[in-house]
Amino acid sequence: KVPWVGDPKDPASMERAKKVRLAFNLAVDKPAVINAALGGLAEPVAVSGFFQGRRSTPELKPRGYDLAQAKRLMAEAGYPNCFAFTVNLVAWPGREYLPQVGEAVATQLEANLGCQIKRRPLDRAIFEKHFRDRTYAGEMLAWAAPALGTEAWEIWNLVGYSPGTVHLLAEDPQIDAFLEKLSATPDAEERVKIMQDMARFIYDLAPRIEIGAAKAIFGASERVKTWPLVPANAFLPNLDYVNLVWAPPGQPVVLAK
């Protein structure tokens, strides 16, 4: 039995599990984790993995730090002193900071809720076999999407679709239904509406502790004058639109101050 995963056949069990997930979210000071593990280079978000700006769901706000409410929810769920579980500390390519994020969250859950947490440093290749074989139930992992595709839902289609091969973010029949509808909807604006509904559903479900959206850092030479980026997209986007400072061949670039 995993305290944060209920039995779909038992509505009361599902409600208790949701209270545990909400309590974990409220018991973690996200800005403190961002400062400690990410050098401040991230922003709290309501639901990560979705577009910002006009395509966002502005009514959804990042869940703040509320330890009193977190303790009430844990008591209501039947875990006033929390419980024991393992946090896997796995560094992923391009996301070497993830073990530090996992450690920071584990430390807060221990101090704030009394959880008994075992840290397990783990090679990514070993853990990848665990999640493909679905043998990591009851464990926690710090993870971040390496990049988003053309549309935000594509990362969910990769790691949150139950019939798929990879299971990391969340599993739920309603999420599967959203993803299948998105895959079959040709109209871009209709897909945006579906994504917004999916974001609202995931926010209410609270399947994971939302830490934030890490900022992508790109190195550019002094010749780059302007480079319009795509919000919430960690690929190297819009390279065709890079505007360079011109200089005669063989001469240094002169930049206006």
C-alpha atoms as a PDB file:
ATOM      1  CA  LYS A   1       0.000   0.000   0.000  1.00  0.00           C
ATOM      2  CA  VAL A   2       1.349   3.392  -1.059  1.00  0.00           C
ATOM      3  CA  PRO A   3      -0.113   6.182   1.099  1.00  0.00           C
ATOM      4  CA  TRP A   4      -0.244   8.715  -1.748  1.00  0.00           C
ATOM      5  CA  VAL A   5      -1.898   6.277  -4.190  1.00  0.00           C
ATOM      6  CA  GLY A   6      -5.480   5.301  -3.414  1.00  0.00           C
ATOM      7  CA  ASP A   7      -7.599   2.363  -4.511  1.00  0.00           C
ATOM      8  CA  PRO A   8      -9.881   3.446  -7.405  1.00  0.00           C
ATOM      9  CA  LYS A   9     -12.523   1.053  -6.085  1.00  0.00           C
ATOM     10  CA  ASP A  10     -12.533   2.845  -2.719  1.00  0.00           C
ATOM     11  CA  PRO A  11     -13.437   6.575  -2.960  1.00  0.00           C
ATOM     12  CA  ALA A  12     -12.475   7.148   0.674  1.00  0.00           C
ATOM     13  CA  SER A  13      -9.031   5.695  -0.002  1.00  0.00           C
ATOM     14  CA  MET A  14      -8.642   7.978  -3.019  1.00  0.00           C
ATOM     15  CA  GLU A  15      -9.551  11.009  -0.914  1.00  0.00           C
ATOM     16  CA  ARG A  16      -7.047  10.098   1.812  1.00  0.00           C
ATOM     17  CA  ALA A  17      -4.304   9.650  -0.778  1.00  0.00           C
ATOM     18  CA  LYS A  18      -5.094  13.030  -2.314  1.00  0.00           C
ATOM     19  CA  LYS A  19      -4.831  14.664   1.123  1.00  0.00           C
ATOM     20  CA  VAL A  20      -1.349  13.177   1.504  1.00  0.00           C
ATOM     21  CA  ARG A  21      -0.294  14.569  -1.888  1.00  0.00           C
ATOM     22  CA  LEU A  22      -1.708  17.993  -1.059  1.00  0.00           C
ATOM     23  CA  ALA A  23      -0.011  17.930   2.344  1.00  0.00           C
ATOM     24  CA  PHE A  24       3.350  17.148   0.752  1.00  0.00           C
ATOM     25  CA  ASN A  25       2.885  20.074  -1.623  1.00  0.00           C
ATOM     26  CA  LEU A  26       2.023  22.459   1.202  1.00  0.00           C
ATOM     27  CA  ALA A  27       4.821  21.239   3.491  1.00  0.00           C
ATOM     28  CA  VAL A  28       7.594  22.103   1.020  1.00  0.00           C
ATOM     29  CA  ASP A  29       8.870  25.664   0.790  1.00  0.00           C
ATOM     30  CA  LYS A  30       9.420  25.773  -2.980  1.00  0.00           C
ATOM     31  CA  PRO A  31      11.359  29.073  -3.142  1.00  0.00           C
ATOM     32  CA  ALA A  32      13.731  27.700  -0.497  1.00  0.00           C
ATOM     33  CA  VAL A  33      14.307  24.546  -2.581  1.00  0.00           C
ATOM     34  CA  ILE A  34      14.835  26.656  -5.704  1.00  0.00           C
ATOM     35  CA  ASN A  35      17.384  28.823  -3.929  1.00  0.00           C
ATOM     36  CA  ALA A  36      19.210  25.929  -2.278  1.00  0.00           C
ATOM     37  CA  ALA A  37      19.275  23.411  -5.139  1.00  0.00           C
ATOM     38  CA  LEU A  38      18.865  25.530  -8.266  1.00  0.00           C
ATOM     39  CA  GLY A  39      20.690  28.705  -7.376  1.00  0.00           C
ATOM     40  CA  GLY A  40      17.434  30.627  -7.663  1.00  0.00           C
ATOM     41  CA  LEU A  41      17.202  29.832 -11.390  1.00  0.00           C
ATOM     42  CA  ALA A  42      13.590  28.659 -11.443  1.00  0.00           C
ATOM     43  CA  GLU A  43      10.102  29.989 -10.858  1.00  0.00           C
ATOM     44  CA  PRO A  44       7.276  28.296  -8.907  1.00  0.00           C
ATOM     45  CA  VAL A  45       4.440  27.164 -11.177  1.00  0.00           C
ATOM     46  CA  ALA A  46       0.954  25.820 -10.578  1.00  0.00           C
ATOM     47  CA  VAL A  47       1.339  22.918 -13.023  1.00  0.00           C
ATOM     48  CA  SER A  48       4.655  22.298 -14.743  1.00  0.00           C
ATOM     49  CA  GLY A  49       4.699  21.011 -18.297  1.00  0.00           C
ATOM     50  CA  PHE A  50       2.217  23.505 -19.712  1.00  0.00           C
ATOM     51  CA  PHE A  51       2.535  26.701 -21.700  1.00  0.00           C
ATOM     52  CA  GLN A  52       2.738  30.072 -20.025  1.00  0.00           C
ATOM     53  CA  GLY A  53       1.319  33.354 -21.313  1.00  0.00           C
ATOM     54  CA  ARG A  54      -1.913  33.465 -23.307  1.00  0.00           C
ATOM     55  CA  ARG A  55      -2.185  29.682 -23.404  1.00  0.00           C
ATOM     56  CA  SER A  56      -1.933  29.308 -19.652  1.00  0.00           C
ATOM     57  CA  THR A  57      -4.611  28.849 -16.996  1.00  0.00           C
ATOM     58  CA  PRO A  58      -4.088  32.056 -14.973  1.00  0.00           C
ATOM     59  CA  GLU A  59      -6.632  31.091 -12.321  1.00  0.00           C
ATOM     60  CA  LEU A  60      -4.290  28.307 -11.178  1.00  0.00           C
ATOM     61  CA  LYS A  61      -1.730  29.592  -8.689  1.00  0.00           C
ATOM     62  CA  PRO A  62       1.355  27.822  -7.306  1.00  0.00           C
ATOM     63  CA  ARG A  63       0.554  26.147  -4.006  1.00  0.00           C
ATOM     64  CA  GLY A  64       2.353  28.041  -1.279  1.00  0.00           C
ATOM     65  CA  TYR A  65       3.944  26.938   1.969  1.00  0.00           C
ATOM     66  CA  ASP A  66       1.286  26.225   4.622  1.00  0.00           C
ATOM     67  CA  LEU A  67       2.621  23.848   7.245  1.00  0.00           C
ATOM     68  CA  ALA A  68      -0.406  24.094   9.541  1.00  0.00           C
ATOM     69  CA  GLN A  69      -2.735  23.024   6.738  1.00  0.00           C
ATOM     70  CA  ALA A  70      -0.313  20.294   5.677  1.00  0.00           C
ATOM     71  CA  LYS A  71      -0.311  18.811   9.188  1.00  0.00           C
ATOM     72  CA  ARG A  72      -4.125  18.936   9.329  1.00  0.00           C
ATOM     73  CA  LEU A  73      -4.376  17.085   6.024  1.00  0.00           C
ATOM     74  CA  MET A  74      -1.907  14.404   7.141  1.00  0.00           C
ATOM     75  CA  ALA A  75      -3.874  13.861  10.336  1.00  0.00           C
ATOM     76  CA  GLU A  76      -7.139  13.627   8.393  1.00  0.00           C
ATOM     77  CA  ALA A  77      -5.525  11.090   6.047  1.00  0.00           C
ATOM     78  CA  GLY A  78      -4.521   8.965   9.043  1.00  0.00           C
ATOM     79  CA  TYR A  79      -0.799   9.784   9.068  1.00  0.00           C
ATOM     80  CA  PRO A  80      -0.279  12.379  11.822  1.00  0.00           C
ATOM     81  CA  ASN A  81       3.400  11.379  12.089  1.00  0.00           C
ATOM     82  CA  CYS A  82       3.859  10.727   8.366  1.00  0.00           C
ATOM     83  CA  PHE A  83       5.398   7.361   7.356  1.00  0.00           C
ATOM     84  CA  ALA A  84       8.578   5.825   5.943  1.00  0.00           C
ATOM     85  CA  PHE A  85       9.569   5.815   2.278  1.00  0.00           C
ATOM     86  CA  THR A  86      12.571   6.079  -0.039  1.00  0.00           C
ATOM     87  CA  VAL A  87      13.723   9.021  -2.130  1.00  0.00           C
ATOM     88  CA  ASN A  88      15.806   8.013  -5.139  1.00  0.00           C
ATOM     89  CA  LEU A  89      18.555  10.528  -5.901  1.00  0.00           C
ATOM     90  CA  VAL A  90      19.151  10.183  -9.629  1.00  0.00           C
ATOM     91  CA  ALA A  91      21.082  12.577 -11.871  1.00  0.00           C
ATOM     92  CA  TRP A  92      19.729  12.721 -15.413  1.00  0.00           C
ATOM     93  CA  PRO A  93      21.556  14.042 -18.495  1.00  0.00           C
ATOM     94  CA  GLY A  94      21.445  17.827 -18.446  1.00  0.00           C
ATOM     95  CA  ARG A  95      19.750  17.748 -15.049  1.00  0.00           C
ATOM     96  CA  GLU A  96      22.606  16.949 -12.693  1.00  0.00           C
ATOM     97  CA  TYR A  97      20.959  19.146 -10.047  1.00  0.00           C
ATOM     98  CA  LEU A  98      18.091  16.690  -9.445  1.00  0.00           C
ATOM     99  CA  PRO A  99      19.711  14.813  -6.507  1.00  0.00           C
ATOM    100  CA  GLN A 100      20.081  18.165  -4.723  1.00  0.00           C
ATOM    101  CA  VAL A 101      16.397  18.886  -5.340  1.00  0.00           C
ATOM    102  CA  GLY A 102      15.441  15.476  -3.963  1.00  0.00           C
ATOM    103  CA  GLU A 103      17.626  15.977  -0.896  1.00  0.00           C
ATOM    104  CA  ALA A 104      16.162  19.434  -0.223  1.00  0.00           C
ATOM    105  CA  VAL A 105      12.589  18.149  -0.455  1.00  0.00           C
ATOM    106  CA  ALA A 106      13.342  15.094   1.689  1.00  0.00           C
ATOM    107  CA  THR A 107      14.923  17.279   4.372  1.00  0.00           C
ATOM    108  CA  GLN A 108      11.851  19.517   4.507  1.00  0.00           C
ATOM    109  CA  LEU A 109       9.389  16.611   4.657  1.00  0.00           C
ATOM    110  CA  GLU A 110      11.381  15.082   7.528  1.00  0.00           C
ATOM    111  CA  ALA A 111      11.597  18.331   9.469  1.00  0.00           C
ATOM    112  CA  ASN A 112       8.052  19.556   8.785  1.00  0.00           C
ATOM    113  CA  LEU A 113       5.931  16.387   8.805  1.00  0.00           C
ATOM    114  CA  GLY A 114       8.099  13.829  10.606  1.00  0.00           C
ATOM    115  CA  CYS A 115       8.505  11.526   7.598  1.00  0.00           C
ATOM    116  CA  GLN A 116      11.145   8.797   7.871  1.00  0.00           C
ATOM    117  CA  ILE A 117      13.033   9.006   4.591  1.00  0.00           C
ATOM    118  CA  LYS A 118      15.788   6.795   3.223  1.00  0.00           C
ATOM    119  CA  ARG A 119      17.990   8.389   0.576  1.00  0.00           C
ATOM    120  CA  ARG A 120      19.147   6.075  -2.199  1.00  0.00           C
ATOM    121  CA  PRO A 121      21.687   7.417  -4.708  1.00  0.00           C
ATOM    122  CA  LEU A 122      20.989   5.527  -7.904  1.00  0.00           C
ATOM    123  CA  ASP A 123      22.475   5.377 -11.374  1.00  0.00           C
ATOM    124  CA  ARG A 124      20.068   6.623 -14.003  1.00  0.00           C
ATOM    125  CA  ALA A 125      20.397   3.464 -16.135  1.00  0.00           C
ATOM    126  CA  ILE A 126      19.408   1.287 -13.155  1.00  0.00           C
ATOM    127  CA  PHE A 127      16.423   3.440 -12.252  1.00  0.00           C
ATOM    128  CA  GLU A 128      15.357   3.585 -15.895  1.00  0.00           C
ATOM    129  CA  LYS A 129      14.958  -0.193 -15.810  1.00  0.00           C
ATOM    130  CA  HIS A 130      12.971   0.116 -12.562  1.00  0.00           C
ATOM    131  CA  PHE A 131      10.426   2.514 -14.016  1.00  0.00           C
ATOM    132  CA  ARG A 132      10.141   0.617 -17.282  1.00  0.00           C
ATOM    133  CA  ASP A 133       9.523  -2.576 -15.281  1.00  0.00           C
ATOM    134  CA  ARG A 134       7.191  -0.631 -12.934  1.00  0.00           C
ATOM    135  CA  THR A 135       9.005  -1.824  -9.808  1.00  0.00           C
ATOM    136  CA  TYR A 136       9.381   1.498  -7.948  1.00  0.00           C
ATOM    137  CA  ALA A 137       5.960   1.864  -6.288  1.00  0.00           C
ATOM    138  CA  GLY A 138       6.111   3.674  -2.968  1.00  0.00           C
ATOM    139  CA  GLU A 139       9.274   5.575  -3.806  1.00  0.00           C
ATOM    140  CA  MET A 140       9.847   9.231  -4.628  1.00  0.00           C
ATOM    141  CA  LEU A 141      12.092  10.762  -7.266  1.00  0.00           C
ATOM    142  CA  ALA A 142      13.107  14.300  -8.205  1.00  0.00           C
ATOM    143  CA  TRP A 143      12.648  14.652 -11.959  1.00  0.00           C
ATOM    144  CA  ALA A 144      12.412  17.369 -14.590  1.00  0.00           C
ATOM    145  CA  ALA A 145      11.354  17.287 -18.219  1.00  0.00           C
ATOM    146  CA  PRO A 146      14.479  17.849 -20.339  1.00  0.00           C
ATOM    147  CA  ALA A 147      12.562  19.938 -22.881  1.00  0.00           C
ATOM    148  CA  LEU A 148       9.119  20.472 -24.310  1.00  0.00           C
ATOM    149  CA  GLY A 149       8.155  19.625 -27.835  1.00  0.00           C
ATOM    150  CA  THR A 150       6.161  21.734 -30.238  1.00  0.00           C
ATOM    151  CA  GLU A 151       3.282  21.607 -27.778  1.00  0.00           C
ATOM    152  CA  ALA A 152       3.410  21.214 -24.024  1.00  0.00           C
ATOM    153  CA  TRP A 153       1.360  18.035 -23.755  1.00  0.00           C
ATOM    154  CA  GLU A 154       3.912  16.002 -25.708  1.00  0.00           C
ATOM    155  CA  ILE A 155       6.043  15.347 -22.624  1.00  0.00           C
ATOM    156  CA  TRP A 156       2.952  13.940 -20.885  1.00  0.00           C
ATOM    157  CA  ASN A 157       2.319  11.700 -23.877  1.00  0.00           C
ATOM    158  CA  LEU A 158       5.831  10.324 -23.369  1.00  0.00           C
ATOM    159  CA  VAL A 159       5.927   9.810 -19.597  1.00  0.00           C
ATOM    160  CA  GLY A 160       2.334  10.036 -18.332  1.00  0.00           C
ATOM    161  CA  TYR A 161       0.344   7.835 -20.711  1.00  0.00           C
ATOM    162  CA  SER A 162      -0.692   4.574 -19.039  1.00  0.00           C
ATOM    163  CA  PRO A 163      -0.493   2.339 -22.146  1.00  0.00           C
ATOM    164  CA  GLY A 164       2.976   3.715 -22.898  1.00  0.00           C
ATOM    165  CA  THR A 165       6.327   2.281 -21.857  1.00  0.00           C
ATOM    166  CA  VAL A 166       7.557   5.043 -19.544  1.00  0.00           C
ATOM    167  CA  HIS A 167       5.773   6.051 -16.332  1.00  0.00           C
ATOM    168  CA  LEU A 168       7.202   8.915 -14.317  1.00  0.00           C
ATOM    169  CA  LEU A 169       4.843  11.864 -13.990  1.00  0.00           C
ATOM    170  CA  ALA A 170       1.402  10.446 -13.216  1.00  0.00           C
ATOM    171  CA  GLU A 171      -1.106   7.857 -14.334  1.00  0.00           C
ATOM    172  CA  ASP A 172      -4.849   8.360 -14.439  1.00  0.00           C
ATOM    173  CA  PRO A 173      -7.602   7.264 -16.875  1.00  0.00           C
ATOM    174  CA  GLN A 174      -8.650  10.895 -17.321  1.00  0.00           C
ATOM    175  CA  ILE A 175      -5.111  11.931 -18.250  1.00  0.00           C
ATOM    176  CA  ASP A 176      -5.068   9.114 -20.810  1.00  0.00           C
ATOM    177  CA  ALA A 177      -8.353  10.439 -22.216  1.00  0.00           C
ATOM    178  CA  PHE A 178      -6.948  13.973 -22.499  1.00  0.00           C
ATOM    179  CA  LEU A 179      -3.841  12.725 -24.311  1.00  0.00           C
ATOM    180  CA  GLU A 180      -5.830  10.580 -26.737  1.00  0.00           C
ATOM    181  CA  LYS A 181      -8.110  13.510 -27.515  1.00  0.00           C
ATOM    182  CA  LEU A 182      -5.132  15.801 -28.059  1.00  0.00           C
ATOM    183  CA  SER A 183      -3.557  13.290 -30.441  1.00  0.00           C
ATOM    184  CA  ALA A 184      -6.756  13.169 -32.497  1.00  0.00           C
ATOM    185  CA  THR A 185      -7.563  16.907 -32.587  1.00  0.00           C
ATOM    186  CA  PRO A 186      -6.131  18.699 -35.659  1.00  0.00           C
ATOM    187  CA  ASP A 187      -7.194  22.240 -34.715  1.00  0.00           C
ATOM    188  CA  ALA A 188      -4.455  24.070 -32.766  1.00  0.00           C
ATOM    189  CA  GLU A 189      -6.779  26.317 -30.773  1.00  0.00           C
ATOM    190  CA  GLU A 190      -8.943  23.361 -29.790  1.00  0.00           C
ATOM    191  CA  ARG A 191      -5.827  21.614 -28.529  1.00  0.00           C
ATOM    192  CA  VAL A 192      -5.022  24.658 -26.406  1.00  0.00           C
ATOM    193  CA  LYS A 193      -8.455  24.392 -24.768  1.00  0.00           C
ATOM    194  CA  ILE A 194      -7.938  20.689 -24.119  1.00  0.00           C
ATOM    195  CA  MET A 195      -4.502  21.430 -22.625  1.00  0.00           C
ATOM    196  CA  GLN A 196      -6.046  24.039 -20.343  1.00  0.00           C
ATOM    197  CA  ASP A 197      -8.676  21.556 -19.140  1.00  0.00           C
ATOM    198  CA  MET A 198      -5.953  18.961 -18.627  1.00  0.00           C
ATOM    199  CA  ALA A 199      -3.885  21.439 -16.584  1.00  0.00           C
ATOM    200  CA  ARG A 200      -6.899  22.156 -14.356  1.00  0.00           C
ATOM    201  CA  PHE A 201      -7.479  18.438 -13.835  1.00  0.00           C
ATOM    202  CA  ILE A 202      -3.831  17.751 -12.958  1.00  0.00           C
ATOM    203  CA  TYR A 203      -3.722  20.736 -10.610  1.00  0.00           C
ATOM    204  CA  ASP A 204      -6.722  19.341  -8.714  1.00  0.00           C
ATOM    205  CA  LEU A 205      -5.291  15.816  -8.756  1.00  0.00           C
ATOM    206  CA  ALA A 206      -1.954  17.057  -7.326  1.00  0.00           C
ATOM    207  CA  PRO A 207      -0.064  13.935  -8.451  1.00  0.00           C
ATOM    208  CA  ARG A 208       3.393  15.291  -7.568  1.00  0.00           C
ATOM    209  CA  ILE A 209       5.134  18.015  -5.600  1.00  0.00           C
ATOM    210  CA  GLU A 210       5.386  20.942  -8.011  1.00  0.00           C
ATOM    211  CA  ILE A 211       8.709  22.695  -7.406  1.00  0.00           C
ATOM    212  CA  GLY A 212       8.923  25.001 -10.391  1.00  0.00           C
ATOM    213  CA  ALA A 213      10.091  25.609 -13.937  1.00  0.00           C
ATOM    214  CA  ALA A 214      13.870  25.700 -14.177  1.00  0.00           C
ATOM    215  CA  LYS A 215      15.335  28.358 -16.427  1.00  0.00           C
ATOM    216  CA  ALA A 216      17.265  27.225 -19.472  1.00  0.00           C
ATOM    217  CA  ILE A 217      20.625  28.965 -19.875  1.00  0.00           C
ATOM    218  CA  PHE A 218      22.058  29.355 -23.372  1.00  0.00           C
ATOM    219  CA  GLY A 219      25.534  30.617 -24.209  1.00  0.00           C
ATOM    220  CA  ALA A 220      25.696  33.183 -27.004  1.00  0.00           C
ATOM    221  CA  SER A 221      28.524  35.233 -28.461  1.00  0.00           C
ATOM    222  CA  GLU A 222      28.602  39.000 -28.303  1.00  0.00           C
ATOM    223  CA  ARG A 223      27.526  39.063 -31.947  1.00  0.00           C
ATOM    224  CA  VAL A 224      23.977  38.016 -30.989  1.00  0.00           C
ATOM    225  CA  LYS A 225      21.922  41.200 -30.932  1.00  0.00           C
ATOM    226  CA  THR A 226      18.427  39.747 -30.442  1.00  0.00           C
ATOM    227  CA  TRP A 227      17.124  36.192 -30.163  1.00  0.00           C
ATOM    228  CA  PRO A 228      13.382  35.729 -29.563  1.00  0.00           C
ATOM    229  CA  LEU A 229      12.859  32.665 -27.380  1.00  0.00           C
ATOM    230  CA  VAL A 230       9.755  30.555 -26.866  1.00  0.00           C
ATOM    231  CA  PRO A 231       8.404  30.622 -23.281  1.00  0.00           C
ATOM    232  CA  ALA A 232       8.378  27.199 -21.590  1.00  0.00           C
ATOM    233  CA  ASN A 233      10.454  25.602 -24.349  1.00  0.00           C
ATOM    234  CA  ALA A 234      13.914  24.382 -23.378  1.00  0.00           C
ATOM    235  CA  PHE A 235      15.027  23.467 -26.896  1.00  0.00           C
ATOM    236  CA  LEU A 236      17.278  25.849 -28.852  1.00  0.00           C
ATOM    237  CA  PRO A 237      14.336  27.570 -30.589  1.00  0.00           C
ATOM    238  CA  ASN A 238      13.978  30.195 -33.309  1.00  0.00           C
ATOM    239  CA  LEU A 239      17.557  29.995 -34.552  1.00  0.00           C
ATOM    240  CA  ASP A 240      16.385  31.364 -37.901  1.00  0.00           C
ATOM    241  CA  TYR A 241      15.362  34.556 -36.098  1.00  0.00           C
ATOM    242  CA  VAL A 242      18.697  35.328 -34.441  1.00  0.00           C
ATOM    243  CA  ASN A 243      19.671  38.909 -35.305  1.00  0.00           C
ATOM    244  CA  LEU A 244      23.440  39.405 -35.377  1.00  0.00           C
ATOM    245  CA  VAL A 245      25.529  42.525 -34.986  1.00  0.00           C
ATOM    246  CA  TRP A 246      27.233  43.041 -38.369  1.00  0.00           C
ATOM    247  CA  ALA A 247      30.962  43.561 -38.730  1.00  0.00           C
ATOM    248  CA  PRO A 248      33.247  43.560 -41.790  1.00  0.00           C
ATOM    249  CA  PRO A 249      35.047  40.256 -42.322  1.00  0.00           C
ATOM    250  CA  GLY A 250      38.122  39.935 -40.162  1.00  0.00           C
ATOM    251  CA  GLN A 251      37.282  42.941 -37.997  1.00  0.00           C
ATOM    252  CA  PRO A 252      36.136  42.880 -34.375  1.00  0.00           C
ATOM    253  CA  VAL A 253      32.534  43.486 -33.469  1.00  0.00           C
ATOM    254  CA  VAL A 254      31.790  46.971 -32.151  1.00  0.00           C
ATOM    255  CA  LEU A 255      28.853  46.994 -29.779  1.00  0.00           C
ATOM    256  CA  ALA A 256      26.844  50.104 -28.942  1.00  0.00           C
ATOM    257  CA  LYS A 257      26.790  50.791 -25.214  1.00  0.00           C
END
